[in-house]
Amino acid sequence: MKSSFEKKIIINSIKMRKKDCFLGFFLSVLSTIISFLLTIKNYLSKEETIFLIVFFCLFQVIVQLRFLFGFNADNYKSWNIIFLLFSFFVILIIFFGSVWIMYNLNNNLMKH
């Protein structure tokens, strides 16, 4: 049976976890909207837009790791490193695969 002190700690932890999830979700949506508006409205030059999109992409990755996945300095375990490496590998495959497909489509469709 758990003591009342342990129950308070668990309830506090659940409340903080919900707060972190909502904050992480809000920041992720905000960075997505900003990136979308930068792309659609053409406020800046092409180079500045690409730089800011990459910045907001990295910001969103950090926000999701910290707030949604719960990675922080206090709770850093070895499986977290494995998960990070696997996620990074999957992101690289998706990114470079997309670039390769777009490049080949451009070459094959624009050969006239």
C-alpha atoms as a PDB file:
ATOM      1  CA  MET A   1       0.000   0.000   0.000  1.00  0.00           C
ATOM      2  CA  LYS A   2       1.322   3.429  -0.902  1.00  0.00           C
ATOM      3  CA  SER A   3       1.614   6.209   1.595  1.00  0.00           C
ATOM      4  CA  SER A   4      -0.164   9.524   1.108  1.00  0.00           C
ATOM      5  CA  PHE A   5       3.180  11.160   0.323  1.00  0.00           C
ATOM      6  CA  GLU A   6       3.825   8.701  -2.519  1.00  0.00           C
ATOM      7  CA  LYS A   7       0.313   9.259  -3.869  1.00  0.00           C
ATOM      8  CA  LYS A   8       0.868  13.043  -3.877  1.00  0.00           C
ATOM      9  CA  ILE A   9       4.122  12.606  -5.778  1.00  0.00           C
ATOM     10  CA  ILE A  10       2.428  10.414  -8.390  1.00  0.00           C
ATOM     11  CA  ILE A  11      -0.481  12.855  -8.823  1.00  0.00           C
ATOM     12  CA  ASN A  12       1.946  15.784  -9.090  1.00  0.00           C
ATOM     13  CA  SER A  13       3.959  13.884 -11.694  1.00  0.00           C
ATOM     14  CA  ILE A  14       0.852  13.178 -13.773  1.00  0.00           C
ATOM     15  CA  LYS A  15      -0.196  16.850 -13.660  1.00  0.00           C
ATOM     16  CA  MET A  16       3.280  17.996 -14.737  1.00  0.00           C
ATOM     17  CA  ARG A  17       3.310  15.403 -17.529  1.00  0.00           C
ATOM     18  CA  LYS A  18      -0.009  16.728 -18.887  1.00  0.00           C
ATOM     19  CA  LYS A  19       1.277  20.283 -18.688  1.00  0.00           C
ATOM     20  CA  ASP A  20       4.454  19.307 -20.564  1.00  0.00           C
ATOM     21  CA  CYS A  21       2.441  17.501 -23.243  1.00  0.00           C
ATOM     22  CA  PHE A  22       0.164  20.477 -23.860  1.00  0.00           C
ATOM     23  CA  LEU A  23       3.111  22.893 -23.964  1.00  0.00           C
ATOM     24  CA  GLY A  24       5.004  20.614 -26.352  1.00  0.00           C
ATOM     25  CA  PHE A  25       1.975  20.248 -28.590  1.00  0.00           C
ATOM     26  CA  PHE A  26       1.404  24.016 -28.650  1.00  0.00           C
ATOM     27  CA  LEU A  27       5.051  24.778 -29.494  1.00  0.00           C
ATOM     28  CA  SER A  28       5.108  22.096 -32.211  1.00  0.00           C
ATOM     29  CA  VAL A  29       1.962  23.433 -33.860  1.00  0.00           C
ATOM     30  CA  LEU A  30       3.267  26.999 -33.604  1.00  0.00           C
ATOM     31  CA  SER A  31       6.579  26.131 -35.283  1.00  0.00           C
ATOM     32  CA  THR A  32       4.712  24.259 -38.030  1.00  0.00           C
ATOM     33  CA  ILE A  33       2.416  27.224 -38.678  1.00  0.00           C
ATOM     34  CA  ILE A  34       5.347  29.660 -38.786  1.00  0.00           C
ATOM     35  CA  SER A  35       7.223  27.442 -41.264  1.00  0.00           C
ATOM     36  CA  PHE A  36       4.106  27.109 -43.397  1.00  0.00           C
ATOM     37  CA  LEU A  37       3.498  30.863 -43.460  1.00  0.00           C
ATOM     38  CA  LEU A  38       7.127  31.570 -44.332  1.00  0.00           C
ATOM     39  CA  THR A  39       6.812  29.233 -47.295  1.00  0.00           C
ATOM     40  CA  ILE A  40       3.421  30.403 -48.547  1.00  0.00           C
ATOM     41  CA  LYS A  41       3.711  34.177 -48.104  1.00  0.00           C
ATOM     42  CA  ASN A  42       7.290  34.668 -49.437  1.00  0.00           C
ATOM     43  CA  TYR A  43       8.177  37.316 -46.845  1.00  0.00           C
ATOM     44  CA  LEU A  44      11.917  36.660 -47.077  1.00  0.00           C
ATOM     45  CA  SER A  45      14.456  35.648 -49.680  1.00  0.00           C
ATOM     46  CA  LYS A  46      14.832  31.999 -50.635  1.00  0.00           C
ATOM     47  CA  GLU A  47      18.005  31.499 -48.558  1.00  0.00           C
ATOM     48  CA  GLU A  48      16.549  33.139 -45.457  1.00  0.00           C
ATOM     49  CA  THR A  49      13.355  31.098 -45.780  1.00  0.00           C
ATOM     50  CA  ILE A  50      15.301  27.837 -46.055  1.00  0.00           C
ATOM     51  CA  PHE A  51      17.441  28.776 -43.058  1.00  0.00           C
ATOM     52  CA  LEU A  52      14.386  29.571 -40.927  1.00  0.00           C
ATOM     53  CA  ILE A  53      12.572  26.411 -41.981  1.00  0.00           C
ATOM     54  CA  VAL A  54      15.587  24.314 -40.985  1.00  0.00           C
ATOM     55  CA  PHE A  55      15.788  26.244 -37.699  1.00  0.00           C
ATOM     56  CA  PHE A  56      12.124  25.620 -36.896  1.00  0.00           C
ATOM     57  CA  CYS A  57      12.520  21.974 -37.901  1.00  0.00           C
ATOM     58  CA  LEU A  58      15.348  21.530 -35.392  1.00  0.00           C
ATOM     59  CA  PHE A  59      13.400  23.516 -32.806  1.00  0.00           C
ATOM     60  CA  GLN A  60      10.423  21.223 -33.277  1.00  0.00           C
ATOM     61  CA  VAL A  61      12.579  18.115 -32.900  1.00  0.00           C
ATOM     62  CA  ILE A  62      14.029  19.457 -29.639  1.00  0.00           C
ATOM     63  CA  VAL A  63      10.586  20.443 -28.334  1.00  0.00           C
ATOM     64  CA  GLN A  64       9.135  17.039 -29.112  1.00  0.00           C
ATOM     65  CA  LEU A  65      12.060  15.211 -27.544  1.00  0.00           C
ATOM     66  CA  ARG A  66      11.896  17.314 -24.402  1.00  0.00           C
ATOM     67  CA  PHE A  67       8.164  17.772 -23.838  1.00  0.00           C
ATOM     68  CA  LEU A  68       6.440  14.903 -25.645  1.00  0.00           C
ATOM     69  CA  PHE A  69       8.984  12.090 -25.288  1.00  0.00           C
ATOM     70  CA  GLY A  70      10.241  13.196 -21.881  1.00  0.00           C
ATOM     71  CA  PHE A  71      13.967  13.248 -22.622  1.00  0.00           C
ATOM     72  CA  ASN A  72      15.820  15.436 -20.165  1.00  0.00           C
ATOM     73  CA  ALA A  73      19.058  15.391 -18.191  1.00  0.00           C
ATOM     74  CA  ASP A  74      17.424  13.767 -15.159  1.00  0.00           C
ATOM     75  CA  ASN A  75      15.917  10.863 -17.065  1.00  0.00           C
ATOM     76  CA  TYR A  76      18.608   9.877 -19.559  1.00  0.00           C
ATOM     77  CA  LYS A  77      18.846   6.117 -20.022  1.00  0.00           C
ATOM     78  CA  SER A  78      20.746   4.032 -22.535  1.00  0.00           C
ATOM     79  CA  TRP A  79      17.624   3.075 -24.497  1.00  0.00           C
ATOM     80  CA  ASN A  80      16.969   6.783 -25.055  1.00  0.00           C
ATOM     81  CA  ILE A  81      20.233   6.987 -26.990  1.00  0.00           C
ATOM     82  CA  ILE A  82      19.258   3.985 -29.087  1.00  0.00           C
ATOM     83  CA  PHE A  83      15.859   5.537 -29.766  1.00  0.00           C
ATOM     84  CA  LEU A  84      17.487   8.840 -30.771  1.00  0.00           C
ATOM     85  CA  LEU A  85      19.893   7.128 -33.152  1.00  0.00           C
ATOM     86  CA  PHE A  86      17.108   5.083 -34.722  1.00  0.00           C
ATOM     87  CA  SER A  87      14.919   8.190 -35.126  1.00  0.00           C
ATOM     88  CA  PHE A  88      17.803  10.107 -36.686  1.00  0.00           C
ATOM     89  CA  PHE A  89      18.448   7.228 -39.100  1.00  0.00           C
ATOM     90  CA  VAL A  90      14.770   7.086 -40.139  1.00  0.00           C
ATOM     91  CA  ILE A  91      14.665  10.866 -40.638  1.00  0.00           C
ATOM     92  CA  LEU A  92      17.768  10.700 -42.834  1.00  0.00           C
ATOM     93  CA  ILE A  93      16.243   7.935 -44.950  1.00  0.00           C
ATOM     94  CA  ILE A  94      13.005   9.886 -45.408  1.00  0.00           C
ATOM     95  CA  PHE A  95      14.800  13.155 -46.192  1.00  0.00           C
ATOM     96  CA  PHE A  96      17.343  11.813 -48.653  1.00  0.00           C
ATOM     97  CA  GLY A  97      14.796   9.456 -50.204  1.00  0.00           C
ATOM     98  CA  SER A  98      12.462  12.388 -50.819  1.00  0.00           C
ATOM     99  CA  VAL A  99      15.249  14.483 -52.329  1.00  0.00           C
ATOM    100  CA  TRP A 100      16.305  11.565 -54.557  1.00  0.00           C
ATOM    101  CA  ILE A 101      12.720  11.007 -55.758  1.00  0.00           C
ATOM    102  CA  MET A 102      12.207  14.716 -56.509  1.00  0.00           C
ATOM    103  CA  TYR A 103      15.530  14.905 -58.363  1.00  0.00           C
ATOM    104  CA  ASN A 104      14.709  11.858 -60.507  1.00  0.00           C
ATOM    105  CA  LEU A 105      11.194  13.107 -61.212  1.00  0.00           C
ATOM    106  CA  ASN A 106      12.569  16.454 -62.299  1.00  0.00           C
ATOM    107  CA  ASN A 107      15.148  14.827 -64.594  1.00  0.00           C
ATOM    108  CA  ASN A 108      12.748  12.301 -66.090  1.00  0.00           C
ATOM    109  CA  LEU A 109       9.774  14.628 -66.597  1.00  0.00           C
ATOM    110  CA  MET A 110      11.671  17.674 -67.870  1.00  0.00           C
ATOM    111  CA  LYS A 111      13.677  15.906 -70.606  1.00  0.00           C
ATOM    112  CA  HIS A 112      12.245  17.578 -73.697  1.00  0.00           C
END
